[in-house]
Amino acid sequence: TLAGGTVVVSNTSVTANTRIFLMCQTPGGTPGFLRVSTRTAATSFTILSSSGTDTSVVGWLLVEPG
């Protein structure tokens, strides 16, 4: 769930090459466009909305390119 348009997702599976797909599951606040702003391999990634008042629930899917 976004707070102020951002959330850090802890996930040890993420790598520098992971494709991260984002989907709004439940809109909240003022929904914006979603993107991954940062990632730290084997640790986490950060989801950022273009709206600073976005409180949406976001689903994500990790795909490791083969």
C-alpha atoms as a PDB file:
ATOM      1  CA  THR A   1       0.000   0.000   0.000  1.00  0.00           C
ATOM      2  CA  LEU A   2       1.366   3.379  -1.001  1.00  0.00           C
ATOM      3  CA  ALA A   3       1.765   6.098   1.616  1.00  0.00           C
ATOM      4  CA  GLY A   4       2.288   9.568   0.217  1.00  0.00           C
ATOM      5  CA  GLY A   5       2.735   8.014  -3.217  1.00  0.00           C
ATOM      6  CA  THR A   6       5.582   5.648  -2.332  1.00  0.00           C
ATOM      7  CA  VAL A   7       6.415   2.314  -0.728  1.00  0.00           C
ATOM      8  CA  VAL A   8       9.565   0.238  -0.259  1.00  0.00           C
ATOM      9  CA  VAL A   9       8.982  -3.459  -0.967  1.00  0.00           C
ATOM     10  CA  SER A  10      11.406  -5.817   0.780  1.00  0.00           C
ATOM     11  CA  ASN A  11      12.205  -8.760  -1.509  1.00  0.00           C
ATOM     12  CA  THR A  12      15.378 -10.831  -1.608  1.00  0.00           C
ATOM     13  CA  SER A  13      14.575 -12.186  -5.107  1.00  0.00           C
ATOM     14  CA  VAL A  14      15.042  -8.873  -6.922  1.00  0.00           C
ATOM     15  CA  THR A  15      18.181  -8.494  -9.059  1.00  0.00           C
ATOM     16  CA  ALA A  16      19.596  -5.740 -11.254  1.00  0.00           C
ATOM     17  CA  ASN A  17      17.969  -7.452 -14.273  1.00  0.00           C
ATOM     18  CA  THR A  18      14.553  -8.256 -12.799  1.00  0.00           C
ATOM     19  CA  ARG A  19      11.565  -6.937 -14.740  1.00  0.00           C
ATOM     20  CA  ILE A  20       9.051  -5.528 -12.265  1.00  0.00           C
ATOM     21  CA  PHE A  21       5.451  -5.177 -13.416  1.00  0.00           C
ATOM     22  CA  LEU A  22       3.110  -3.002 -11.334  1.00  0.00           C
ATOM     23  CA  MET A  23      -0.698  -3.104 -11.178  1.00  0.00           C
ATOM     24  CA  CYS A  24      -3.074  -0.953  -9.160  1.00  0.00           C
ATOM     25  CA  GLN A  25      -5.258  -3.394  -7.213  1.00  0.00           C
ATOM     26  CA  THR A  26      -7.379  -0.952  -5.204  1.00  0.00           C
ATOM     27  CA  PRO A  27      -7.256   2.783  -5.988  1.00  0.00           C
ATOM     28  CA  GLY A  28      -6.828   5.152  -3.071  1.00  0.00           C
ATOM     29  CA  GLY A  29      -6.271   8.867  -2.635  1.00  0.00           C
ATOM     30  CA  THR A  30      -5.449  10.409  -6.002  1.00  0.00           C
ATOM     31  CA  PRO A  31      -4.028   7.555  -8.097  1.00  0.00           C
ATOM     32  CA  GLY A  32      -1.113   8.362 -10.384  1.00  0.00           C
ATOM     33  CA  PHE A  33       1.191   6.599 -12.808  1.00  0.00           C
ATOM     34  CA  LEU A  34       3.310   3.900 -11.132  1.00  0.00           C
ATOM     35  CA  ARG A  35       7.004   3.203 -11.642  1.00  0.00           C
ATOM     36  CA  VAL A  36       9.939   1.546  -9.932  1.00  0.00           C
ATOM     37  CA  SER A  37      12.198   4.370  -8.788  1.00  0.00           C
ATOM     38  CA  THR A  38      15.031   2.376  -7.190  1.00  0.00           C
ATOM     39  CA  ARG A  39      16.089  -1.193  -6.591  1.00  0.00           C
ATOM     40  CA  THR A  40      18.721  -2.808  -4.415  1.00  0.00           C
ATOM     41  CA  ALA A  41      19.632  -6.329  -5.516  1.00  0.00           C
ATOM     42  CA  ALA A  42      18.670  -9.050  -3.024  1.00  0.00           C
ATOM     43  CA  THR A  43      17.060  -6.444  -0.759  1.00  0.00           C
ATOM     44  CA  SER A  44      14.200  -4.281  -2.027  1.00  0.00           C
ATOM     45  CA  PHE A  45      12.674  -2.025  -4.651  1.00  0.00           C
ATOM     46  CA  THR A  46      10.748   1.227  -4.346  1.00  0.00           C
ATOM     47  CA  ILE A  47       7.422   1.935  -6.038  1.00  0.00           C
ATOM     48  CA  LEU A  48       6.715   5.592  -6.751  1.00  0.00           C
ATOM     49  CA  SER A  49       3.495   7.185  -7.972  1.00  0.00           C
ATOM     50  CA  SER A  50       3.313  10.400  -9.972  1.00  0.00           C
ATOM     51  CA  SER A  51       0.785  11.538  -7.343  1.00  0.00           C
ATOM     52  CA  GLY A  52       2.045  12.458  -3.887  1.00  0.00           C
ATOM     53  CA  THR A  53      -1.386  11.676  -2.427  1.00  0.00           C
ATOM     54  CA  ASP A  54      -1.669   8.156  -3.913  1.00  0.00           C
ATOM     55  CA  THR A  55      -2.616   5.577  -1.256  1.00  0.00           C
ATOM     56  CA  SER A  56      -3.476   2.744  -3.649  1.00  0.00           C
ATOM     57  CA  VAL A  57      -2.851  -0.938  -3.026  1.00  0.00           C
ATOM     58  CA  VAL A  58      -0.322  -2.053  -5.661  1.00  0.00           C
ATOM     59  CA  GLY A  59       0.294  -5.582  -6.891  1.00  0.00           C
ATOM     60  CA  TRP A  60       3.621  -6.501  -8.460  1.00  0.00           C
ATOM     61  CA  LEU A  61       5.108  -9.331 -10.497  1.00  0.00           C
ATOM     62  CA  LEU A  62       8.822 -10.124 -10.756  1.00  0.00           C
ATOM     63  CA  VAL A  63      10.145 -11.736 -13.929  1.00  0.00           C
ATOM     64  CA  GLU A  64      13.767 -12.766 -14.352  1.00  0.00           C
ATOM     65  CA  PRO A  65      14.756 -12.571 -18.039  1.00  0.00           C
ATOM     66  CA  GLY A  66      16.065 -15.827 -19.424  1.00  0.00           C
END
